[in-house]
N, C-alpha and C. Protein backbone atom coordinates (compact mmCIF):
# COMPACT_ATOMS: atom_id res chain seq x y z
N MET A 1 152.15 83.48 89.63
CA MET A 1 151.04 82.73 89.34
C MET A 1 151.21 81.93 88.00
N LYS A 2 150.92 80.68 88.01
CA LYS A 2 151.16 79.82 86.81
C LYS A 2 150.04 80.05 85.78
N LYS A 3 150.43 80.22 84.52
CA LYS A 3 149.46 80.32 83.43
C LYS A 3 148.96 78.95 83.07
N GLU A 4 147.72 78.86 82.80
CA GLU A 4 147.03 77.59 82.40
C GLU A 4 147.37 77.40 80.88
N THR A 5 147.83 76.18 80.45
CA THR A 5 147.99 75.86 79.17
C THR A 5 146.73 75.20 78.64
N LYS A 6 146.62 75.20 77.28
CA LYS A 6 145.50 74.54 76.67
C LYS A 6 145.29 73.08 77.11
N GLU A 7 146.33 72.42 77.29
CA GLU A 7 146.34 70.99 77.67
C GLU A 7 145.84 70.85 79.11
N GLU A 8 146.03 71.81 79.97
CA GLU A 8 145.56 71.75 81.37
C GLU A 8 144.13 72.08 81.52
N THR A 9 143.58 72.79 80.54
CA THR A 9 142.15 73.16 80.53
C THR A 9 141.38 72.07 79.93
N LEU A 10 141.06 71.03 80.81
CA LEU A 10 140.28 69.89 80.37
C LEU A 10 138.79 70.06 80.69
N ILE A 11 137.98 69.39 79.90
CA ILE A 11 136.57 69.36 80.22
C ILE A 11 136.39 68.27 81.17
N PRO A 12 135.93 68.53 82.40
CA PRO A 12 135.96 67.50 83.49
C PRO A 12 134.74 66.58 83.40
N THR A 13 133.62 66.90 82.79
CA THR A 13 132.52 66.12 82.73
C THR A 13 132.04 65.84 81.35
N TYR A 14 131.28 64.77 81.14
CA TYR A 14 130.60 64.46 79.90
C TYR A 14 129.66 65.61 79.53
N ASN A 15 128.83 66.09 80.39
CA ASN A 15 127.86 67.04 80.03
C ASN A 15 128.46 68.34 79.61
N GLU A 16 129.60 68.81 80.25
CA GLU A 16 130.41 69.91 79.79
C GLU A 16 130.92 69.75 78.37
N ALA A 17 131.48 68.54 78.05
CA ALA A 17 132.04 68.32 76.80
C ALA A 17 130.93 68.35 75.74
N TYR A 18 129.77 67.72 76.05
CA TYR A 18 128.60 67.70 75.21
C TYR A 18 128.13 69.08 74.97
N SER A 19 128.06 69.85 75.91
CA SER A 19 127.62 71.23 75.80
C SER A 19 128.57 72.02 74.85
N LYS A 20 129.82 71.89 75.08
CA LYS A 20 130.88 72.59 74.21
C LYS A 20 130.76 72.13 72.76
N LEU A 21 130.43 70.86 72.47
CA LEU A 21 130.22 70.44 71.19
C LEU A 21 129.03 71.12 70.55
N GLY A 22 128.01 71.24 71.31
CA GLY A 22 126.87 72.01 70.83
C GLY A 22 127.12 73.43 70.45
N GLU A 23 127.99 74.07 71.27
CA GLU A 23 128.38 75.50 70.93
C GLU A 23 129.24 75.54 69.68
N ILE A 24 130.14 74.54 69.53
CA ILE A 24 130.88 74.49 68.30
C ILE A 24 130.05 74.33 67.07
N LEU A 25 129.09 73.41 67.22
CA LEU A 25 128.16 73.15 66.06
C LEU A 25 127.30 74.39 65.72
N THR A 26 126.85 75.11 66.78
CA THR A 26 126.13 76.29 66.48
C THR A 26 126.99 77.31 65.73
N LEU A 27 128.21 77.47 66.19
CA LEU A 27 129.15 78.40 65.54
C LEU A 27 129.37 78.05 64.09
N LEU A 28 129.57 76.73 63.74
CA LEU A 28 129.88 76.24 62.48
C LEU A 28 128.56 76.42 61.57
N ASP A 29 127.51 76.24 62.16
CA ASP A 29 126.28 76.52 61.35
C ASP A 29 125.96 77.85 60.94
N GLU A 30 126.61 78.90 61.64
CA GLU A 30 126.33 80.30 61.37
C GLU A 30 127.15 80.64 60.09
N ASP A 31 128.13 79.86 59.68
CA ASP A 31 128.91 80.14 58.50
C ASP A 31 129.69 81.47 58.52
N ASN A 32 130.05 81.91 59.78
CA ASN A 32 130.84 83.04 59.98
C ASN A 32 132.28 82.77 60.33
N VAL A 33 132.66 81.55 60.18
CA VAL A 33 133.98 80.99 60.73
C VAL A 33 135.03 81.09 59.56
N ASP A 34 136.17 81.78 59.94
CA ASP A 34 137.29 81.82 58.94
C ASP A 34 138.01 80.52 58.88
N VAL A 35 138.78 80.30 57.91
CA VAL A 35 139.49 79.07 57.68
C VAL A 35 140.38 78.65 58.86
N ASP A 36 141.09 79.59 59.40
CA ASP A 36 142.05 79.35 60.54
C ASP A 36 141.13 78.88 61.78
N GLU A 37 140.09 79.55 62.07
CA GLU A 37 139.27 79.22 63.19
C GLU A 37 138.53 77.93 62.95
N LEU A 38 138.08 77.66 61.69
CA LEU A 38 137.43 76.48 61.34
C LEU A 38 138.25 75.30 61.67
N SER A 39 139.44 75.23 61.25
CA SER A 39 140.45 74.14 61.56
C SER A 39 140.54 73.92 63.00
N GLU A 40 140.75 74.91 63.81
CA GLU A 40 140.85 74.78 65.24
C GLU A 40 139.57 74.29 65.89
N LYS A 41 138.42 74.74 65.48
CA LYS A 41 137.14 74.26 66.03
C LYS A 41 136.94 72.80 65.68
N VAL A 42 137.28 72.33 64.43
CA VAL A 42 137.14 71.01 64.13
C VAL A 42 138.05 70.20 64.88
N LYS A 43 139.28 70.57 65.14
CA LYS A 43 140.20 69.85 66.00
C LYS A 43 139.64 69.68 67.42
N GLU A 44 139.11 70.82 67.98
CA GLU A 44 138.52 70.77 69.30
C GLU A 44 137.38 69.84 69.33
N ALA A 45 136.47 69.97 68.37
CA ALA A 45 135.25 69.00 68.31
C ALA A 45 135.74 67.56 68.24
N SER A 46 136.75 67.23 67.48
CA SER A 46 137.28 65.89 67.49
C SER A 46 137.68 65.43 68.82
N GLU A 47 138.46 66.25 69.45
CA GLU A 47 138.88 65.91 70.91
C GLU A 47 137.75 65.70 71.81
N LEU A 48 136.82 66.53 71.67
CA LEU A 48 135.56 66.44 72.56
C LEU A 48 134.76 65.13 72.29
N LEU A 49 134.72 64.87 70.99
CA LEU A 49 134.06 63.57 70.57
C LEU A 49 134.76 62.41 71.20
N LYS A 50 136.09 62.38 71.15
CA LYS A 50 136.82 61.25 71.55
C LYS A 50 136.63 61.10 73.12
N PHE A 51 136.63 62.28 73.78
CA PHE A 51 136.40 62.26 75.22
C PHE A 51 135.07 61.64 75.54
N CYS A 52 134.05 62.11 74.80
CA CYS A 52 132.66 61.73 75.08
C CYS A 52 132.53 60.19 74.78
N LYS A 53 133.12 59.74 73.71
CA LYS A 53 133.07 58.31 73.34
C LYS A 53 133.64 57.50 74.54
N GLU A 54 134.82 57.98 74.94
CA GLU A 54 135.52 57.14 76.05
C GLU A 54 134.67 57.14 77.32
N ARG A 55 134.11 58.30 77.66
CA ARG A 55 133.25 58.35 78.88
C ARG A 55 132.04 57.40 78.66
N LEU A 56 131.41 57.32 77.53
CA LEU A 56 130.33 56.47 77.29
C LEU A 56 130.69 55.04 77.32
N LEU A 57 131.85 54.65 76.78
CA LEU A 57 132.37 53.37 76.89
C LEU A 57 132.62 52.88 78.29
N ILE A 58 133.23 53.75 79.08
CA ILE A 58 133.51 53.50 80.47
C ILE A 58 132.13 53.22 81.24
N ALA A 59 131.18 54.13 81.01
CA ALA A 59 129.90 54.05 81.67
C ALA A 59 129.16 52.69 81.26
N ASN A 60 129.23 52.42 79.98
CA ASN A 60 128.67 51.14 79.50
C ASN A 60 129.22 49.93 80.14
N GLU A 61 130.51 49.95 80.32
CA GLU A 61 131.27 48.83 80.92
C GLU A 61 130.93 48.71 82.37
N GLU A 62 130.90 49.87 83.08
CA GLU A 62 130.60 49.77 84.41
C GLU A 62 129.10 49.33 84.64
N THR A 63 128.19 49.75 83.89
CA THR A 63 126.85 49.30 84.03
C THR A 63 126.71 47.76 83.76
N ARG A 64 127.42 47.33 82.69
CA ARG A 64 127.35 45.93 82.32
C ARG A 64 127.92 45.13 83.55
N LYS A 65 128.96 45.55 84.19
CA LYS A 65 129.51 44.80 85.32
C LYS A 65 128.52 44.78 86.46
N MET A 66 127.86 45.90 86.71
CA MET A 66 126.87 45.95 87.83
C MET A 66 125.70 45.04 87.56
N LEU A 67 125.30 45.07 86.34
CA LEU A 67 124.18 44.14 85.97
C LEU A 67 124.52 42.66 86.15
N GLU A 68 125.76 42.29 85.76
CA GLU A 68 126.12 41.00 85.95
C GLU A 68 126.20 40.53 87.33
N ASN A 69 126.34 41.45 88.30
CA ASN A 69 126.31 41.11 89.64
C ASN A 69 124.94 41.03 90.27
N LEU A 70 123.96 41.25 89.60
CA LEU A 70 122.59 41.20 90.21
C LEU A 70 122.13 39.73 90.28
């Protein structure tokens, strides 16, 4: 059985990524995060933000194209 690597564990939807960002923010707000975990969580949040931004840009472009065709 193949082990999943971190790179293969992708957030498939915008809502899941947004939800995970919320979880990270809640964790960071609790002030219980050690420095090593903080660095990893900030990195993960950055990747999730990039993913969300890309999805929003794609949705915006698709919507714009549909409206042009009306």
